[in-house]
Amino acid sequence: MDEFYEIEEPAAAPADPEAGVRHALDALDGLDDLPPAEHVARFEAVHDALRAHLSGDA
C-alpha cells in the first residue's frame, strides 16, 4: 500500500541557504527500514521539496 509522505515545511526561511536542502534530504533518513514499495513516494516528496526550495517557493 503506497502511503503519501509529506515533508514538513520549515516555519521560516532558513538563514543558511543550504538548510532547506538538508531539510529535504533528511526525509531520506530511515529509507533502508521501509519496504521498497514506499521508496518512490519518499523520493517524490524529496524531489518536490528540493524543486520548491530551488524555485524559491519553500
C-alpha atoms as a PDB file:
ATOM      1  CA  MET A   1       0.000   0.000   0.000  1.00  0.00           C
ATOM      2  CA  ASP A   2       1.505   3.285  -1.072  1.00  0.00           C
ATOM      3  CA  GLU A   3       1.328   5.985   1.527  1.00  0.00           C
ATOM      4  CA  PHE A   4       1.962   9.639   0.717  1.00  0.00           C
ATOM      5  CA  TYR A   5       4.947  11.008   2.543  1.00  0.00           C
ATOM      6  CA  GLU A   6       4.826  14.725   3.208  1.00  0.00           C
ATOM      7  CA  ILE A   7       7.827  16.768   4.270  1.00  0.00           C
ATOM      8  CA  GLU A   8       7.036  19.415   6.842  1.00  0.00           C
ATOM      9  CA  GLU A   9       7.837  22.935   5.717  1.00  0.00           C
ATOM     10  CA  PRO A  10      10.234  24.888   7.930  1.00  0.00           C
ATOM     11  CA  ALA A  11       8.484  27.602   9.955  1.00  0.00           C
ATOM     12  CA  ALA A  12      10.534  30.382   8.347  1.00  0.00           C
ATOM     13  CA  ALA A  13      13.012  30.648   5.520  1.00  0.00           C
ATOM     14  CA  PRO A  14      16.346  29.371   6.782  1.00  0.00           C
ATOM     15  CA  ALA A  15      19.172  31.878   7.086  1.00  0.00           C
ATOM     16  CA  ASP A  16      21.513  29.231   5.682  1.00  0.00           C
ATOM     17  CA  PRO A  17      20.512  28.596   2.048  1.00  0.00           C
ATOM     18  CA  GLU A  18      21.715  25.003   2.289  1.00  0.00           C
ATOM     19  CA  ALA A  19      19.471  24.333   5.284  1.00  0.00           C
ATOM     20  CA  GLY A  20      16.439  23.857   3.023  1.00  0.00           C
ATOM     21  CA  VAL A  21      18.298  21.256   1.007  1.00  0.00           C
ATOM     22  CA  ARG A  22      19.476  19.448   4.125  1.00  0.00           C
ATOM     23  CA  HIS A  23      15.935  19.549   5.499  1.00  0.00           C
ATOM     24  CA  ALA A  24      14.556  17.975   2.328  1.00  0.00           C
ATOM     25  CA  LEU A  25      17.244  15.295   2.291  1.00  0.00           C
ATOM     26  CA  ASP A  26      16.527  14.435   5.936  1.00  0.00           C
ATOM     27  CA  ALA A  27      13.399  12.699   4.640  1.00  0.00           C
ATOM     28  CA  LEU A  28      15.677  10.013   3.205  1.00  0.00           C
ATOM     29  CA  ASP A  29      16.785   9.016   6.708  1.00  0.00           C
ATOM     30  CA  GLY A  30      15.447   5.597   7.551  1.00  0.00           C
ATOM     31  CA  LEU A  31      14.782   4.704   3.935  1.00  0.00           C
ATOM     32  CA  ASP A  32      16.522   1.359   4.435  1.00  0.00           C
ATOM     33  CA  ASP A  33      13.907   0.463   7.039  1.00  0.00           C
ATOM     34  CA  LEU A  34      10.995   0.945   4.616  1.00  0.00           C
ATOM     35  CA  PRO A  35       9.707  -1.590   2.122  1.00  0.00           C
ATOM     36  CA  PRO A  36      10.883  -0.798  -1.426  1.00  0.00           C
ATOM     37  CA  ALA A  37       7.288  -0.078  -2.457  1.00  0.00           C
ATOM     38  CA  GLU A  38       7.340   3.012  -0.211  1.00  0.00           C
ATOM     39  CA  HIS A  39      10.608   4.381  -1.599  1.00  0.00           C
ATOM     40  CA  VAL A  40       9.015   6.000  -4.647  1.00  0.00           C
ATOM     41  CA  ALA A  41       6.690   8.192  -2.592  1.00  0.00           C
ATOM     42  CA  ARG A  42       9.589   9.236  -0.369  1.00  0.00           C
ATOM     43  CA  PHE A  43      11.820  10.098  -3.362  1.00  0.00           C
ATOM     44  CA  GLU A  44       8.995  12.069  -4.984  1.00  0.00           C
ATOM     45  CA  ALA A  45       8.414  14.055  -1.787  1.00  0.00           C
ATOM     46  CA  VAL A  46      12.119  14.903  -1.563  1.00  0.00           C
ATOM     47  CA  HIS A  47      12.186  15.865  -5.242  1.00  0.00           C
ATOM     48  CA  ASP A  48       9.170  18.155  -4.790  1.00  0.00           C
ATOM     49  CA  ALA A  49      10.707  19.761  -1.694  1.00  0.00           C
ATOM     50  CA  LEU A  50      14.018  20.363  -3.495  1.00  0.00           C
ATOM     51  CA  ARG A  51      12.231  21.800  -6.535  1.00  0.00           C
ATOM     52  CA  ALA A  52      10.219  24.165  -4.308  1.00  0.00           C
ATOM     53  CA  HIS A  53      13.353  25.228  -2.419  1.00  0.00           C
ATOM     54  CA  LEU A  54      15.317  25.907  -5.593  1.00  0.00           C
ATOM     55  CA  SER A  55      12.477  27.878  -7.154  1.00  0.00           C
ATOM     56  CA  GLY A  56      12.061  29.965  -4.008  1.00  0.00           C
ATOM     57  CA  ASP A  57       8.586  28.633  -3.248  1.00  0.00           C
ATOM     58  CA  ALA A  58       9.625  26.996   0.019  1.00  0.00           C
END
